[in-house]
Amino acid sequence: MNKKIVAFGEIMLRLKAPGYERFFQSNTLEATFGGGEANVAVSLANFGMDAEFVTVLPNTDIGKAAEAEVRRFGVDVSHIAYSDNARMGIYFLEAGAAQRPSKVIYDRSASAISQVAPGMIEWKKIFAEAAWYHVTGITPAISMEAAEQTIASLKVAKEAGVTVSCDLNYRAKLWNYGKKAPEIMQEIVKYTDVIIANEEDFQKSLGIYSEIEAGKGELDLDIYRNISEQVLKDFKNVKIVAITLRDSKSANRNGWSACLNDREQFIHSQKYDITDIVDRVGGGDSFSAGLIYGLLNGYSHEAALQFAVGASCLKHSIIGDFNRVSVEEVKKFVSGDTSGRIQR
């Protein structure tokens, strides 16, 4: 069985203030690359999977460096398109500490992928060899062109019999070209088999609210059961709804777990108390990659969920967007080896 996974979206130049500094507290910004869909592709490649990342990049040294960075992890980049009259999207990151939250500033207007046009990407050729296609709600929020190409790609993927996952990933700062998120995302979900999201994503992207009011304190699983059941009721094509559950006690300490509804059962994963968080950016993407890995490799839905949560938990210990852990490391962690003791 072909297990190739394709991910489509924008990779950006990431400029981060060092350590826990505020922006320009010193005269240094750390330059790397990252973006939701690229993060998923890199994680899957690290798991030994055949992963491809599709995007549009500016035909500049920076665009080519972004491609090279993804390629060095073993990700297929053969269908990346280049534009001569575009720029690289950028995001600035200030890491939070204690009760001060992290801050992200986007500078991605008129970036290369925002100008993606029909014919730039050979979707039929790409999906002829694919088993799985992953998209997010970030790309269609960038521009109407990006939204239209996302939907066009999904139609080709479903014609080819490819399984589709979508991380709703609502980004309020991006939906500013005239369309509201539910107008686009409800159409995208019509082609989706597996939905990944948090509670806010369902509300802002699909207009789905729980009838149970969320209270303070410990997470109430009935809220998430209710939301997942509503999604499955509204979208008959969706087979699995996975919800990440983050209980933020501070910028450096989060409770982390997830739940999954597959129409037959509602499962809640192991919950981890993540302390001394190094970098939480990409945590949701590493969850998506872990879930895709488990489902494609025949894990039970419960085992796939546990693997995804474990992979994501480990990501919080790694600087940068990309999760740099192996299948063996995740399995060891999920099996109960969580002490962090040095390995010799």
C-alpha atoms as a PDB file:
ATOM      1  CA  MET A   1       0.000   0.000   0.000  1.00  0.00           C
ATOM      2  CA  ASN A   2       1.262   3.441  -0.941  1.00  0.00           C
ATOM      3  CA  LYS A   3       1.606   5.538   2.194  1.00  0.00           C
ATOM      4  CA  LYS A   4       2.817   8.830   0.729  1.00  0.00           C
ATOM      5  CA  ILE A   5       1.534  11.898   2.580  1.00  0.00           C
ATOM      6  CA  VAL A   6       1.224  15.276   0.878  1.00  0.00           C
ATOM      7  CA  ALA A   7       0.971  18.563   2.785  1.00  0.00           C
ATOM      8  CA  PHE A   8       0.176  21.933   1.166  1.00  0.00           C
ATOM      9  CA  GLY A   9       0.741  25.342   2.727  1.00  0.00           C
ATOM     10  CA  GLU A  10       3.101  28.215   3.369  1.00  0.00           C
ATOM     11  CA  ILE A  11       6.544  27.929   4.882  1.00  0.00           C
ATOM     12  CA  MET A  12       7.818  31.181   6.360  1.00  0.00           C
ATOM     13  CA  LEU A  13      11.015  32.729   7.526  1.00  0.00           C
ATOM     14  CA  ARG A  14      10.837  32.614  11.330  1.00  0.00           C
ATOM     15  CA  LEU A  15      12.592  35.449  13.174  1.00  0.00           C
ATOM     16  CA  LYS A  16      12.687  34.851  16.936  1.00  0.00           C
ATOM     17  CA  ALA A  17      13.975  37.003  19.778  1.00  0.00           C
ATOM     18  CA  PRO A  18      16.737  35.054  21.608  1.00  0.00           C
ATOM     19  CA  GLY A  19      15.700  33.038  24.641  1.00  0.00           C
ATOM     20  CA  TYR A  20      12.888  34.779  26.458  1.00  0.00           C
ATOM     21  CA  GLU A  21      13.849  38.299  25.369  1.00  0.00           C
ATOM     22  CA  ARG A  22      11.339  40.867  24.197  1.00  0.00           C
ATOM     23  CA  PHE A  23      11.537  41.995  20.574  1.00  0.00           C
ATOM     24  CA  PHE A  24      14.782  43.924  20.022  1.00  0.00           C
ATOM     25  CA  GLN A  25      15.771  43.742  23.655  1.00  0.00           C
ATOM     26  CA  SER A  26      19.080  42.885  22.008  1.00  0.00           C
ATOM     27  CA  ASN A  27      20.074  43.460  18.395  1.00  0.00           C
ATOM     28  CA  THR A  28      19.617  39.798  17.408  1.00  0.00           C
ATOM     29  CA  LEU A  29      16.853  37.736  15.821  1.00  0.00           C
ATOM     30  CA  GLU A  30      17.301  34.000  15.282  1.00  0.00           C
ATOM     31  CA  ALA A  31      16.421  33.028  11.696  1.00  0.00           C
ATOM     32  CA  THR A  32      14.927  29.616  10.900  1.00  0.00           C
ATOM     33  CA  PHE A  33      11.950  28.395   8.852  1.00  0.00           C
ATOM     34  CA  GLY A  34       8.549  27.053   9.802  1.00  0.00           C
ATOM     35  CA  GLY A  35       4.872  26.773   8.982  1.00  0.00           C
ATOM     36  CA  GLY A  36       2.058  24.436   9.941  1.00  0.00           C
ATOM     37  CA  GLU A  37       1.984  22.132   6.922  1.00  0.00           C
ATOM     38  CA  ALA A  38       5.770  22.010   6.510  1.00  0.00           C
ATOM     39  CA  ASN A  39       6.025  21.118  10.198  1.00  0.00           C
ATOM     40  CA  VAL A  40       3.729  18.129   9.610  1.00  0.00           C
ATOM     41  CA  ALA A  41       5.720  16.962   6.583  1.00  0.00           C
ATOM     42  CA  VAL A  42       9.032  17.185   8.465  1.00  0.00           C
ATOM     43  CA  SER A  43       7.641  15.291  11.467  1.00  0.00           C
ATOM     44  CA  LEU A  44       6.376  12.509   9.226  1.00  0.00           C
ATOM     45  CA  ALA A  45       9.709  12.283   7.414  1.00  0.00           C
ATOM     46  CA  ASN A  46      11.421  11.969  10.792  1.00  0.00           C
ATOM     47  CA  PHE A  47       9.046   9.076  11.499  1.00  0.00           C
ATOM     48  CA  GLY A  48      10.346   7.369   8.354  1.00  0.00           C
ATOM     49  CA  MET A  49       7.292   8.150   6.234  1.00  0.00           C
ATOM     50  CA  ASP A  50       7.235   9.194   2.574  1.00  0.00           C
ATOM     51  CA  ALA A  51       6.241  12.841   2.956  1.00  0.00           C
ATOM     52  CA  GLU A  52       5.916  15.592   0.348  1.00  0.00           C
ATOM     53  CA  PHE A  53       5.550  19.316   0.935  1.00  0.00           C
ATOM     54  CA  VAL A  54       3.906  21.489  -1.720  1.00  0.00           C
ATOM     55  CA  THR A  55       4.047  25.272  -1.669  1.00  0.00           C
ATOM     56  CA  VAL A  56       4.883  28.370  -3.699  1.00  0.00           C
ATOM     57  CA  LEU A  57       8.148  30.136  -2.923  1.00  0.00           C
ATOM     58  CA  PRO A  58       9.791  33.320  -4.185  1.00  0.00           C
ATOM     59  CA  ASN A  59      12.533  32.697  -6.704  1.00  0.00           C
ATOM     60  CA  THR A  60      15.182  34.165  -4.407  1.00  0.00           C
ATOM     61  CA  ASP A  61      18.040  32.878  -2.280  1.00  0.00           C
ATOM     62  CA  ILE A  62      15.730  32.876   0.744  1.00  0.00           C
ATOM     63  CA  GLY A  63      13.056  30.882  -1.040  1.00  0.00           C
ATOM     64  CA  LYS A  64      15.634  28.331  -2.172  1.00  0.00           C
ATOM     65  CA  ALA A  65      17.053  28.129   1.368  1.00  0.00           C
ATOM     66  CA  ALA A  66      13.571  27.303   2.667  1.00  0.00           C
ATOM     67  CA  GLU A  67      13.260  24.477   0.157  1.00  0.00           C
ATOM     68  CA  ALA A  68      16.720  23.181   1.075  1.00  0.00           C
ATOM     69  CA  GLU A  69      15.852  23.213   4.777  1.00  0.00           C
ATOM     70  CA  VAL A  70      12.781  21.030   4.252  1.00  0.00           C
ATOM     71  CA  ARG A  71      14.583  18.759   1.799  1.00  0.00           C
ATOM     72  CA  ARG A  72      17.403  17.992   4.229  1.00  0.00           C
ATOM     73  CA  PHE A  73      14.904  16.202   6.485  1.00  0.00           C
ATOM     74  CA  GLY A  74      14.065  13.844   3.617  1.00  0.00           C
ATOM     75  CA  VAL A  75      10.854  15.569   2.555  1.00  0.00           C
ATOM     76  CA  ASP A  76      10.003  15.421  -1.169  1.00  0.00           C
ATOM     77  CA  VAL A  77       9.975  18.976  -2.565  1.00  0.00           C
ATOM     78  CA  SER A  78       9.784  18.098  -6.253  1.00  0.00           C
ATOM     79  CA  HIS A  79       6.474  19.887  -6.850  1.00  0.00           C
ATOM     80  CA  ILE A  80       7.277  23.186  -5.152  1.00  0.00           C
ATOM     81  CA  ALA A  81       6.441  26.081  -7.483  1.00  0.00           C
ATOM     82  CA  TYR A  82       8.457  29.279  -7.754  1.00  0.00           C
ATOM     83  CA  SER A  83       7.332  32.826  -8.446  1.00  0.00           C
ATOM     84  CA  ASP A  84       9.579  35.575  -9.784  1.00  0.00           C
ATOM     85  CA  ASN A  85       7.406  38.424  -8.543  1.00  0.00           C
ATOM     86  CA  ALA A  86       6.699  37.565  -4.926  1.00  0.00           C
ATOM     87  CA  ARG A  87       8.194  37.626  -1.461  1.00  0.00           C
ATOM     88  CA  MET A  88       8.801  35.252   1.430  1.00  0.00           C
ATOM     89  CA  GLY A  89       6.272  35.293   4.243  1.00  0.00           C
ATOM     90  CA  ILE A  90       7.771  36.106   7.642  1.00  0.00           C
ATOM     91  CA  TYR A  91       6.669  35.642  11.208  1.00  0.00           C
ATOM     92  CA  PHE A  92       8.273  37.180  14.267  1.00  0.00           C
ATOM     93  CA  LEU A  93       8.176  35.229  17.534  1.00  0.00           C
ATOM     94  CA  GLU A  94       8.671  36.383  21.096  1.00  0.00           C
ATOM     95  CA  ALA A  95       8.683  33.456  23.539  1.00  0.00           C
ATOM     96  CA  GLY A  96       6.565  33.966  26.633  1.00  0.00           C
ATOM     97  CA  ALA A  97       7.624  33.147  30.167  1.00  0.00           C
ATOM     98  CA  ALA A  98       5.704  32.730  33.428  1.00  0.00           C
ATOM     99  CA  GLN A  99       2.487  34.761  33.078  1.00  0.00           C
ATOM    100  CA  ARG A 100       3.676  36.691  29.978  1.00  0.00           C
ATOM    101  CA  PRO A 101       2.317  34.967  26.862  1.00  0.00           C
ATOM    102  CA  SER A 102       4.213  34.307  23.664  1.00  0.00           C
ATOM    103  CA  LYS A 103       3.618  36.765  20.846  1.00  0.00           C
ATOM    104  CA  VAL A 104       3.519  36.224  17.072  1.00  0.00           C
ATOM    105  CA  ILE A 105       3.576  39.031  14.504  1.00  0.00           C
ATOM    106  CA  TYR A 106       2.876  38.107  10.874  1.00  0.00           C
ATOM    107  CA  ASP A 107       4.432  39.814   7.870  1.00  0.00           C
ATOM    108  CA  ARG A 108       3.111  37.691   5.035  1.00  0.00           C
ATOM    109  CA  SER A 109       0.923  39.995   2.943  1.00  0.00           C
ATOM    110  CA  ALA A 110       1.503  39.445  -0.797  1.00  0.00           C
ATOM    111  CA  SER A 111       3.713  36.426  -0.092  1.00  0.00           C
ATOM    112  CA  ALA A 112       4.330  33.922  -2.872  1.00  0.00           C
ATOM    113  CA  ILE A 113       1.625  31.450  -1.868  1.00  0.00           C
ATOM    114  CA  SER A 114      -0.994  34.203  -1.595  1.00  0.00           C
ATOM    115  CA  GLN A 115      -0.663  34.594  -5.360  1.00  0.00           C
ATOM    116  CA  VAL A 116      -0.959  30.895  -6.229  1.00  0.00           C
ATOM    117  CA  ALA A 117      -2.877  30.463  -9.481  1.00  0.00           C
ATOM    118  CA  PRO A 118      -4.543  27.586 -11.335  1.00  0.00           C
ATOM    119  CA  GLY A 119      -1.984  25.535 -13.223  1.00  0.00           C
ATOM    120  CA  MET A 120       0.963  26.411 -10.999  1.00  0.00           C
ATOM    121  CA  ILE A 121       0.756  23.083  -9.140  1.00  0.00           C
ATOM    122  CA  GLU A 122       0.221  19.707 -10.854  1.00  0.00           C
ATOM    123  CA  TRP A 123      -2.350  18.289  -8.462  1.00  0.00           C
ATOM    124  CA  LYS A 124      -3.301  15.241 -10.555  1.00  0.00           C
ATOM    125  CA  LYS A 125       0.328  14.186 -10.829  1.00  0.00           C
ATOM    126  CA  ILE A 126       0.905  14.731  -7.112  1.00  0.00           C
ATOM    127  CA  PHE A 127      -2.106  12.711  -5.950  1.00  0.00           C
ATOM    128  CA  ALA A 128      -1.490   9.838  -8.381  1.00  0.00           C
ATOM    129  CA  GLU A 129       1.072   8.553  -5.863  1.00  0.00           C
ATOM    130  CA  ALA A 130      -0.475   9.710  -2.576  1.00  0.00           C
ATOM    131  CA  ALA A 131      -2.473   7.995   0.156  1.00  0.00           C
ATOM    132  CA  TRP A 132      -3.045  10.991   2.419  1.00  0.00           C
ATOM    133  CA  TYR A 133      -3.420  14.762   1.990  1.00  0.00           C
ATOM    134  CA  HIS A 134      -3.052  17.238   4.847  1.00  0.00           C
ATOM    135  CA  VAL A 135      -4.232  20.838   4.788  1.00  0.00           C
ATOM    136  CA  THR A 136      -4.967  23.460   7.433  1.00  0.00           C
ATOM    137  CA  GLY A 137      -7.177  26.486   7.904  1.00  0.00           C
ATOM    138  CA  ILE A 138      -4.104  28.716   7.716  1.00  0.00           C
ATOM    139  CA  THR A 139      -3.558  28.562   3.952  1.00  0.00           C
ATOM    140  CA  PRO A 140      -7.133  29.497   2.931  1.00  0.00           C
ATOM    141  CA  ALA A 141      -6.953  32.419   5.365  1.00  0.00           C
ATOM    142  CA  ILE A 142      -4.005  33.966   3.513  1.00  0.00           C
ATOM    143  CA  SER A 143      -5.852  35.018   0.336  1.00  0.00           C
ATOM    144  CA  MET A 144      -8.835  34.178  -1.840  1.00  0.00           C
ATOM    145  CA  GLU A 145      -6.426  32.660  -4.365  1.00  0.00           C
ATOM    146  CA  ALA A 146      -4.950  30.357  -1.725  1.00  0.00           C
ATOM    147  CA  ALA A 147      -8.437  29.378  -0.557  1.00  0.00           C
ATOM    148  CA  GLU A 148      -9.555  28.575  -4.103  1.00  0.00           C
ATOM    149  CA  GLN A 149      -6.481  26.450  -4.780  1.00  0.00           C
ATOM    150  CA  THR A 150      -6.925  24.600  -1.492  1.00  0.00           C
ATOM    151  CA  ILE A 151     -10.480  23.681  -2.465  1.00  0.00           C
ATOM    152  CA  ALA A 152      -9.414  22.790  -6.020  1.00  0.00           C
ATOM    153  CA  SER A 153      -6.691  20.505  -4.669  1.00  0.00           C
ATOM    154  CA  LEU A 154      -9.140  18.779  -2.321  1.00  0.00           C
ATOM    155  CA  LYS A 155     -11.468  17.966  -5.211  1.00  0.00           C
ATOM    156  CA  VAL A 156      -8.609  16.324  -7.119  1.00  0.00           C
ATOM    157  CA  ALA A 157      -7.494  14.455  -3.991  1.00  0.00           C
ATOM    158  CA  LYS A 158     -10.942  12.981  -3.402  1.00  0.00           C
ATOM    159  CA  GLU A 159     -11.247  11.995  -7.078  1.00  0.00           C
ATOM    160  CA  ALA A 160      -7.985  10.083  -6.613  1.00  0.00           C
ATOM    161  CA  GLY A 161      -9.309   8.323  -3.492  1.00  0.00           C
ATOM    162  CA  VAL A 162      -6.885  10.072  -1.133  1.00  0.00           C
ATOM    163  CA  THR A 163      -7.703  10.372   2.589  1.00  0.00           C
ATOM    164  CA  VAL A 164      -7.832  14.021   3.698  1.00  0.00           C
ATOM    165  CA  SER A 165      -7.040  15.524   7.081  1.00  0.00           C
ATOM    166  CA  CYS A 166      -7.576  19.159   7.992  1.00  0.00           C
ATOM    167  CA  ASP A 167      -6.301  21.007  11.040  1.00  0.00           C
ATOM    168  CA  LEU A 168      -8.787  23.880  11.294  1.00  0.00           C
ATOM    169  CA  ASN A 169      -6.088  26.147  12.796  1.00  0.00           C
ATOM    170  CA  TYR A 170      -8.039  29.413  13.068  1.00  0.00           C
ATOM    171  CA  ARG A 171      -5.817  32.510  12.772  1.00  0.00           C
ATOM    172  CA  ALA A 172      -7.753  35.718  13.435  1.00  0.00           C
ATOM    173  CA  LYS A 173      -4.922  37.919  12.154  1.00  0.00           C
ATOM    174  CA  LEU A 174      -5.084  36.323   8.687  1.00  0.00           C
ATOM    175  CA  TRP A 175      -8.783  36.346   7.791  1.00  0.00           C
ATOM    176  CA  ASN A 176      -8.816  39.886   6.426  1.00  0.00           C
ATOM    177  CA  TYR A 177      -9.426  39.654   2.657  1.00  0.00           C
ATOM    178  CA  GLY A 178     -13.207  39.851   2.863  1.00  0.00           C
ATOM    179  CA  LYS A 179     -14.255  36.258   3.435  1.00  0.00           C
ATOM    180  CA  LYS A 180     -15.195  34.980   6.870  1.00  0.00           C
ATOM    181  CA  ALA A 181     -13.633  31.721   8.026  1.00  0.00           C
ATOM    182  CA  PRO A 182     -16.874  29.652   8.112  1.00  0.00           C
ATOM    183  CA  GLU A 183     -17.662  30.547   4.463  1.00  0.00           C
ATOM    184  CA  ILE A 184     -14.470  28.845   3.313  1.00  0.00           C
ATOM    185  CA  MET A 185     -13.830  26.259   6.010  1.00  0.00           C
ATOM    186  CA  GLN A 186     -17.287  24.683   5.857  1.00  0.00           C
ATOM    187  CA  GLU A 187     -16.662  24.018   2.168  1.00  0.00           C
ATOM    188  CA  ILE A 188     -13.208  22.559   2.894  1.00  0.00           C
ATOM    189  CA  VAL A 189     -14.581  20.229   5.559  1.00  0.00           C
ATOM    190  CA  LYS A 190     -16.964  18.726   2.969  1.00  0.00           C
ATOM    191  CA  TYR A 191     -13.889  17.012   1.477  1.00  0.00           C
ATOM    192  CA  THR A 192     -12.305  16.044   4.796  1.00  0.00           C
ATOM    193  CA  ASP A 193     -12.111  12.630   6.473  1.00  0.00           C
ATOM    194  CA  VAL A 194     -10.199  13.580   9.640  1.00  0.00           C
ATOM    195  CA  ILE A 195     -10.619  16.904  11.450  1.00  0.00           C
ATOM    196  CA  ILE A 196      -8.078  18.139  13.980  1.00  0.00           C
ATOM    197  CA  ALA A 197      -8.769  21.233  16.046  1.00  0.00           C
ATOM    198  CA  ASN A 198      -9.225  22.842  19.423  1.00  0.00           C
ATOM    199  CA  GLU A 199     -12.437  24.291  20.847  1.00  0.00           C
ATOM    200  CA  GLU A 200     -11.824  27.814  19.474  1.00  0.00           C
ATOM    201  CA  ASP A 201     -11.145  26.423  15.992  1.00  0.00           C
ATOM    202  CA  PHE A 202     -14.581  24.803  15.873  1.00  0.00           C
ATOM    203  CA  GLN A 203     -16.250  27.997  17.012  1.00  0.00           C
ATOM    204  CA  LYS A 204     -14.429  30.449  14.747  1.00  0.00           C
ATOM    205  CA  SER A 205     -13.906  28.216  11.690  1.00  0.00           C
ATOM    206  CA  LEU A 206     -17.154  26.241  11.571  1.00  0.00           C
ATOM    207  CA  GLY A 207     -19.509  28.210  13.801  1.00  0.00           C
ATOM    208  CA  ILE A 208     -20.022  25.187  16.059  1.00  0.00           C
ATOM    209  CA  TYR A 209     -20.446  25.888  19.769  1.00  0.00           C
ATOM    210  CA  SER A 210     -21.002  23.474  22.595  1.00  0.00           C
ATOM    211  CA  GLU A 211     -24.359  23.611  24.340  1.00  0.00           C
ATOM    212  CA  ILE A 212     -22.423  23.115  27.549  1.00  0.00           C
ATOM    213  CA  GLU A 213     -20.773  26.251  28.837  1.00  0.00           C
ATOM    214  CA  ALA A 214     -17.040  25.944  29.364  1.00  0.00           C
ATOM    215  CA  GLY A 215     -16.104  26.741  32.941  1.00  0.00           C
ATOM    216  CA  LYS A 216     -12.873  27.525  34.677  1.00  0.00           C
ATOM    217  CA  GLY A 217     -10.659  24.923  36.270  1.00  0.00           C
ATOM    218  CA  GLU A 218     -10.209  21.386  35.017  1.00  0.00           C
ATOM    219  CA  LEU A 219     -11.196  20.552  31.443  1.00  0.00           C
ATOM    220  CA  ASP A 220     -14.744  19.247  31.114  1.00  0.00           C
ATOM    221  CA  LEU A 221     -14.676  16.378  28.620  1.00  0.00           C
ATOM    222  CA  ASP A 222     -18.440  16.619  28.081  1.00  0.00           C
ATOM    223  CA  ILE A 223     -17.817  19.903  26.260  1.00  0.00           C
ATOM    224  CA  TYR A 224     -15.538  18.227  23.754  1.00  0.00           C
ATOM    225  CA  ARG A 225     -17.725  15.162  23.373  1.00  0.00           C
ATOM    226  CA  ASN A 226     -20.608  17.512  22.581  1.00  0.00           C
ATOM    227  CA  ILE A 227     -18.599  19.495  20.011  1.00  0.00           C
ATOM    228  CA  SER A 228     -17.264  16.386  18.268  1.00  0.00           C
ATOM    229  CA  GLU A 229     -20.718  14.865  18.040  1.00  0.00           C
ATOM    230  CA  GLN A 230     -22.072  18.081  16.514  1.00  0.00           C
ATOM    231  CA  VAL A 231     -19.322  18.100  13.881  1.00  0.00           C
ATOM    232  CA  LEU A 232     -20.014  14.468  12.980  1.00  0.00           C
ATOM    233  CA  LYS A 233     -23.735  15.234  12.759  1.00  0.00           C
ATOM    234  CA  ASP A 234     -23.252  18.278  10.505  1.00  0.00           C
ATOM    235  CA  PHE A 235     -20.643  16.700   8.223  1.00  0.00           C
ATOM    236  CA  LYS A 236     -21.533  13.091   7.349  1.00  0.00           C
ATOM    237  CA  ASN A 237     -18.304  12.615   5.374  1.00  0.00           C
ATOM    238  CA  VAL A 238     -16.079  13.174   8.426  1.00  0.00           C
ATOM    239  CA  LYS A 239     -14.949   9.919   9.994  1.00  0.00           C
ATOM    240  CA  ILE A 240     -12.762  11.128  12.871  1.00  0.00           C
ATOM    241  CA  VAL A 241     -12.697  14.280  14.986  1.00  0.00           C
ATOM    242  CA  ALA A 242      -9.600  14.795  17.126  1.00  0.00           C
ATOM    243  CA  ILE A 243      -9.441  17.661  19.623  1.00  0.00           C
ATOM    244  CA  THR A 244      -6.284  18.860  21.340  1.00  0.00           C
ATOM    245  CA  LEU A 245      -6.760  19.947  24.942  1.00  0.00           C
ATOM    246  CA  ARG A 246      -4.339  22.520  26.312  1.00  0.00           C
ATOM    247  CA  ASP A 247      -4.709  23.603  29.930  1.00  0.00           C
ATOM    248  CA  SER A 248      -2.459  26.667  30.197  1.00  0.00           C
ATOM    249  CA  LYS A 249      -1.278  27.317  33.706  1.00  0.00           C
ATOM    250  CA  SER A 250       1.477  29.649  32.492  1.00  0.00           C
ATOM    251  CA  ALA A 251       3.565  30.193  29.372  1.00  0.00           C
ATOM    252  CA  ASN A 252       5.987  27.553  30.628  1.00  0.00           C
ATOM    253  CA  ARG A 253       3.582  25.022  32.115  1.00  0.00           C
ATOM    254  CA  ASN A 254       0.668  23.424  30.278  1.00  0.00           C
ATOM    255  CA  GLY A 255      -1.511  20.409  30.765  1.00  0.00           C
ATOM    256  CA  TRP A 256      -1.660  18.552  27.450  1.00  0.00           C
ATOM    257  CA  SER A 257      -3.954  15.804  26.194  1.00  0.00           C
ATOM    258  CA  ALA A 258      -6.416  15.111  23.392  1.00  0.00           C
ATOM    259  CA  CYS A 259      -9.649  13.308  22.651  1.00  0.00           C
ATOM    260  CA  LEU A 260     -11.001  11.525  19.597  1.00  0.00           C
ATOM    261  CA  ASN A 261     -14.472  10.665  18.365  1.00  0.00           C
ATOM    262  CA  ASP A 262     -14.783   8.117  15.515  1.00  0.00           C
ATOM    263  CA  ARG A 263     -18.593   7.773  15.616  1.00  0.00           C
ATOM    264  CA  GLU A 264     -18.286   4.550  17.623  1.00  0.00           C
ATOM    265  CA  GLN A 265     -16.299   5.679  20.635  1.00  0.00           C
ATOM    266  CA  PHE A 266     -15.075   8.810  22.414  1.00  0.00           C
ATOM    267  CA  ILE A 267     -11.503   8.424  23.668  1.00  0.00           C
ATOM    268  CA  HIS A 268      -9.466  10.646  25.983  1.00  0.00           C
ATOM    269  CA  SER A 269      -5.695  10.267  25.958  1.00  0.00           C
ATOM    270  CA  GLN A 270      -3.137  10.244  28.711  1.00  0.00           C
ATOM    271  CA  LYS A 271      -2.720  13.762  30.123  1.00  0.00           C
ATOM    272  CA  TYR A 272       0.782  15.207  30.528  1.00  0.00           C
ATOM    273  CA  ASP A 273       1.842  18.062  32.759  1.00  0.00           C
ATOM    274  CA  ILE A 274       4.431  19.808  30.566  1.00  0.00           C
ATOM    275  CA  THR A 275       6.739  21.951  32.682  1.00  0.00           C
ATOM    276  CA  ASP A 276       9.576  24.225  31.582  1.00  0.00           C
ATOM    277  CA  ILE A 277       8.290  24.474  27.997  1.00  0.00           C
ATOM    278  CA  VAL A 278      11.098  25.305  25.590  1.00  0.00           C
ATOM    279  CA  ASP A 279       9.002  26.101  22.474  1.00  0.00           C
ATOM    280  CA  ARG A 280       5.310  25.351  22.027  1.00  0.00           C
ATOM    281  CA  VAL A 281       5.107  26.582  18.409  1.00  0.00           C
ATOM    282  CA  GLY A 282       4.413  23.569  16.212  1.00  0.00           C
ATOM    283  CA  GLY A 283       2.929  21.545  19.050  1.00  0.00           C
ATOM    284  CA  GLY A 284      -0.381  21.092  17.250  1.00  0.00           C
ATOM    285  CA  ASP A 285       1.389  20.220  13.999  1.00  0.00           C
ATOM    286  CA  SER A 286       3.377  17.486  15.718  1.00  0.00           C
ATOM    287  CA  PHE A 287       0.081  16.116  17.054  1.00  0.00           C
ATOM    288  CA  SER A 288      -1.331  16.037  13.511  1.00  0.00           C
ATOM    289  CA  ALA A 289       1.746  14.233  12.225  1.00  0.00           C
ATOM    290  CA  GLY A 290       1.588  11.684  15.032  1.00  0.00           C
ATOM    291  CA  LEU A 291      -2.077  10.983  14.410  1.00  0.00           C
ATOM    292  CA  ILE A 292      -1.542  10.578  10.658  1.00  0.00           C
ATOM    293  CA  TYR A 293       1.396   8.260  11.324  1.00  0.00           C
ATOM    294  CA  GLY A 294      -0.637   6.059  13.650  1.00  0.00           C
ATOM    295  CA  LEU A 295      -3.704   5.874  11.420  1.00  0.00           C
ATOM    296  CA  LEU A 296      -1.666   5.107   8.281  1.00  0.00           C
ATOM    297  CA  ASN A 297       0.278   2.378  10.054  1.00  0.00           C
ATOM    298  CA  GLY A 298      -2.687   0.424  11.314  1.00  0.00           C
ATOM    299  CA  TYR A 299      -2.714   1.568  14.946  1.00  0.00           C
ATOM    300  CA  SER A 300      -5.999   1.373  16.780  1.00  0.00           C
ATOM    301  CA  HIS A 301      -7.580   4.796  17.129  1.00  0.00           C
ATOM    302  CA  GLU A 302      -6.699   4.836  20.816  1.00  0.00           C
ATOM    303  CA  ALA A 303      -3.068   3.922  20.130  1.00  0.00           C
ATOM    304  CA  ALA A 304      -2.831   6.508  17.344  1.00  0.00           C
ATOM    305  CA  LEU A 305      -4.181   9.172  19.699  1.00  0.00           C
ATOM    306  CA  GLN A 306      -1.706   8.246  22.444  1.00  0.00           C
ATOM    307  CA  PHE A 307       1.176   8.320  19.944  1.00  0.00           C
ATOM    308  CA  ALA A 308       0.089  11.746  18.651  1.00  0.00           C
ATOM    309  CA  VAL A 309      -0.146  13.245  22.130  1.00  0.00           C
ATOM    310  CA  GLY A 310       3.218  11.786  23.095  1.00  0.00           C
ATOM    311  CA  ALA A 311       4.910  13.148  19.959  1.00  0.00           C
ATOM    312  CA  SER A 312       3.403  16.563  20.572  1.00  0.00           C
ATOM    313  CA  CYS A 313       4.390  16.549  24.233  1.00  0.00           C
ATOM    314  CA  LEU A 314       8.022  15.902  23.244  1.00  0.00           C
ATOM    315  CA  LYS A 315       7.886  18.751  20.707  1.00  0.00           C
ATOM    316  CA  HIS A 316       7.502  21.233  23.561  1.00  0.00           C
ATOM    317  CA  SER A 317      11.110  20.421  24.511  1.00  0.00           C
ATOM    318  CA  ILE A 318      12.543  21.331  21.091  1.00  0.00           C
ATOM    319  CA  ILE A 319      13.436  24.795  19.842  1.00  0.00           C
ATOM    320  CA  GLY A 320      12.071  25.679  16.414  1.00  0.00           C
ATOM    321  CA  ASP A 321       8.954  24.804  14.444  1.00  0.00           C
ATOM    322  CA  PHE A 322      10.069  21.291  13.515  1.00  0.00           C
ATOM    323  CA  ASN A 323       9.632  18.258  15.746  1.00  0.00           C
ATOM    324  CA  ARG A 324      12.919  16.329  15.688  1.00  0.00           C
ATOM    325  CA  VAL A 325      11.973  13.057  17.357  1.00  0.00           C
ATOM    326  CA  SER A 326      11.859   9.475  16.120  1.00  0.00           C
ATOM    327  CA  VAL A 327       9.158   6.831  16.335  1.00  0.00           C
ATOM    328  CA  GLU A 328      11.270   4.937  18.861  1.00  0.00           C
ATOM    329  CA  GLU A 329      11.574   7.998  21.101  1.00  0.00           C
ATOM    330  CA  VAL A 330       7.832   8.593  21.029  1.00  0.00           C
ATOM    331  CA  LYS A 331       7.033   4.950  21.766  1.00  0.00           C
ATOM    332  CA  LYS A 332       9.443   4.936  24.699  1.00  0.00           C
ATOM    333  CA  PHE A 333       7.908   8.108  26.072  1.00  0.00           C
ATOM    334  CA  VAL A 334       4.328   6.866  25.679  1.00  0.00           C
ATOM    335  CA  SER A 335       5.250   3.599  27.387  1.00  0.00           C
ATOM    336  CA  GLY A 336       6.037   5.562  30.558  1.00  0.00           C
ATOM    337  CA  ASP A 337       9.671   6.656  30.284  1.00  0.00           C
ATOM    338  CA  THR A 338       9.041  10.322  31.112  1.00  0.00           C
ATOM    339  CA  SER A 339      11.797  10.999  33.647  1.00  0.00           C
ATOM    340  CA  GLY A 340      14.109  12.842  31.267  1.00  0.00           C
ATOM    341  CA  ARG A 341      17.124  11.055  32.734  1.00  0.00           C
ATOM    342  CA  ILE A 342      20.303  11.155  30.670  1.00  0.00           C
ATOM    343  CA  GLN A 343      20.843   8.207  28.326  1.00  0.00           C
ATOM    344  CA  ARG A 344      24.382   6.788  28.205  1.00  0.00           C
END
